[in-house]
Amino acid sequence: MEAIKNLWFEGNRIYVKTTENRLLSRPLEAYPELQEATAEQRSNYSLEDEGMAVRWEAIDVDMHISSFYESSEPNTENEVAAMFHRFPWLNVSEVARYLNINKSLLARYIYGISKPSASRLQEIREAFHFFGRELQSA
């Protein structure tokens, strides 16, 4: 079974070389904790589950090799991405906190890596409506 043999960061991407000598990469923008991490924090990782996963203990991030097999680039042609594109001043971390979800999960929705359920999408819509009402009343 293919596993992660080596991992590094270059530019705004994370790269892995697998035990089958395949080179895989993903954009860091889809993983806010890694994008915001220092070089020292990024380099402090451990391979887990016989190379099937990576763990960054200091920033509480886990990544499975399967995330590198997903579509090669994020697909921002989705409703959640459109909402954040329309209101770029909104802070993803704060919106995630309001929704009581992890900011990495919200980033995966924005970048099309994960698709929110119908009920989660409705929660996100309602949050934006709430923000709009709050701004109107200010």
Protein backbone atom coordinates (compact mmCIF):
# COMPACT_ATOMS: atom_id res chain seq x y z
CA MET A 1 0.00 0.00 0.00
CA GLU A 2 1.31 3.43 -0.95
CA ALA A 3 2.43 5.60 1.96
CA ILE A 4 4.11 8.95 2.54
CA LYS A 5 7.89 8.68 2.36
CA ASN A 6 8.84 12.37 2.45
CA LEU A 7 7.05 15.68 3.01
CA TRP A 8 8.04 19.32 2.39
CA PHE A 9 6.66 22.79 1.78
CA GLU A 10 7.53 24.94 -1.19
CA GLY A 11 5.89 28.23 -2.07
CA ASN A 12 2.26 27.97 -1.08
CA ARG A 13 2.04 24.20 -1.43
CA ILE A 14 2.63 21.05 0.56
CA TYR A 15 4.33 18.17 -1.27
CA VAL A 16 4.70 14.49 -0.50
CA LYS A 17 6.73 11.81 -2.18
CA THR A 18 5.21 8.39 -1.76
CA THR A 19 6.74 4.96 -1.34
CA GLU A 20 5.79 4.39 -4.98
CA ASN A 21 7.84 7.49 -5.94
CA ARG A 22 4.79 9.53 -6.86
CA LEU A 23 4.92 13.27 -6.22
CA LEU A 24 1.65 14.69 -4.89
CA SER A 25 0.82 18.20 -3.74
CA ARG A 26 -1.97 20.37 -2.41
CA PRO A 27 -2.28 24.16 -2.02
CA LEU A 28 -1.77 25.43 1.52
CA GLU A 29 -4.71 27.83 1.24
CA ALA A 30 -6.97 24.84 1.78
CA TYR A 31 -5.28 24.12 5.13
CA PRO A 32 -5.29 27.39 7.12
CA GLU A 33 -3.49 26.01 10.18
CA LEU A 34 -0.58 24.89 8.01
CA GLN A 35 -0.61 28.08 5.96
CA GLU A 36 -0.46 30.20 9.13
CA ALA A 37 2.13 27.97 10.84
CA THR A 38 5.76 28.96 11.14
CA ALA A 39 8.43 27.05 9.23
CA GLU A 40 9.48 25.48 12.52
CA GLN A 41 5.93 24.33 13.28
CA ARG A 42 5.56 22.90 9.77
CA SER A 43 8.80 20.96 10.05
CA ASN A 44 7.78 19.44 13.39
CA TYR A 45 5.59 16.58 12.14
CA SER A 46 5.45 12.84 12.54
CA LEU A 47 4.35 10.16 10.11
CA GLU A 48 1.63 8.04 11.67
CA ASP A 49 -0.26 4.87 10.76
CA GLU A 50 2.66 3.37 8.82
CA GLY A 51 3.03 6.51 6.69
CA MET A 52 -0.64 6.85 5.86
CA ALA A 53 -1.06 10.03 7.89
CA VAL A 54 0.88 13.08 9.08
CA ARG A 55 0.49 14.68 12.50
CA TRP A 56 1.55 18.20 13.54
CA GLU A 57 1.11 17.99 17.30
CA ALA A 58 1.98 21.62 18.10
CA ILE A 59 -0.76 22.99 15.83
CA ASP A 60 -3.18 20.06 16.23
CA VAL A 61 -3.36 19.15 12.54
CA ASP A 62 -3.72 15.72 10.98
CA MET A 63 -3.63 14.94 7.28
CA HIS A 64 -4.22 11.57 5.62
CA ILE A 65 -2.55 10.53 2.38
CA SER A 66 -6.01 10.26 0.81
CA SER A 67 -6.32 14.06 0.93
CA PHE A 68 -3.60 14.20 -1.72
CA TYR A 69 -5.61 11.92 -4.01
CA GLU A 70 -8.58 14.28 -4.13
CA SER A 71 -9.03 16.55 -7.12
CA SER A 72 -5.71 18.14 -7.95
CA GLU A 73 -6.76 21.71 -7.22
CA PRO A 74 -9.47 23.28 -5.12
CA ASN A 75 -12.72 24.04 -6.89
CA THR A 76 -13.91 27.41 -5.66
CA GLU A 77 -16.99 27.34 -7.88
CA ASN A 78 -19.38 26.64 -5.02
CA GLU A 79 -21.86 28.57 -2.91
CA VAL A 80 -19.68 28.83 0.21
CA ALA A 81 -16.74 30.19 -1.81
CA ALA A 82 -19.07 32.66 -3.52
CA MET A 83 -20.25 33.99 -0.14
CA PHE A 84 -16.70 34.60 1.05
CA HIS A 85 -15.71 36.07 -2.32
CA ARG A 86 -18.60 38.52 -2.08
CA PHE A 87 -17.58 39.54 1.45
CA PRO A 88 -13.77 39.16 1.46
CA TRP A 89 -13.36 41.12 4.70
CA LEU A 90 -15.01 38.31 6.67
CA ASN A 91 -12.54 36.35 8.74
CA VAL A 92 -12.79 32.60 8.08
CA SER A 93 -11.63 31.77 11.61
CA GLU A 94 -14.29 33.97 13.20
CA VAL A 95 -17.06 32.70 10.94
CA ALA A 96 -16.03 29.13 11.79
CA ARG A 97 -16.06 29.99 15.48
CA TYR A 98 -19.57 31.47 15.12
CA LEU A 99 -20.69 28.25 13.37
CA ASN A 100 -18.92 26.16 16.02
CA ILE A 101 -16.88 24.25 13.43
CA ASN A 102 -13.16 23.91 12.81
CA LYS A 103 -11.73 26.59 10.52
CA SER A 104 -10.01 23.87 8.48
CA LEU A 105 -13.38 22.34 7.73
CA LEU A 106 -14.80 25.70 6.67
CA ALA A 107 -11.72 26.26 4.48
CA ARG A 108 -12.28 22.86 2.86
CA TYR A 109 -15.86 23.94 2.07
CA ILE A 110 -14.63 27.24 0.62
CA TYR A 111 -12.00 25.56 -1.55
CA GLY A 112 -14.30 22.76 -2.68
CA ILE A 113 -12.27 20.01 -1.07
CA SER A 114 -15.23 18.99 1.10
CA LYS A 115 -18.89 19.54 0.41
CA PRO A 116 -21.15 20.66 3.26
CA SER A 117 -24.32 18.72 3.91
CA ALA A 118 -27.58 20.46 3.05
CA SER A 119 -28.17 21.31 6.70
CA ARG A 120 -24.61 22.65 7.16
CA LEU A 121 -24.96 24.76 4.02
CA GLN A 122 -28.19 26.19 5.44
CA GLU A 123 -26.38 27.01 8.71
CA ILE A 124 -23.73 28.90 6.74
CA ARG A 125 -26.38 30.82 4.79
CA GLU A 126 -28.17 31.72 8.02
CA ALA A 127 -24.90 32.92 9.57
CA PHE A 128 -24.35 35.29 6.63
CA HIS A 129 -27.92 36.56 6.96
CA PHE A 130 -27.34 37.13 10.67
CA PHE A 131 -24.13 39.07 9.93
CA GLY A 132 -26.04 41.21 7.42
CA ARG A 133 -28.77 42.01 9.92
CA GLU A 134 -26.16 42.90 12.54
CA LEU A 135 -24.38 45.23 10.11
CA GLN A 136 -27.66 46.94 9.22
CA SER A 137 -28.47 47.61 12.85
CA ALA A 138 -25.05 49.11 13.64
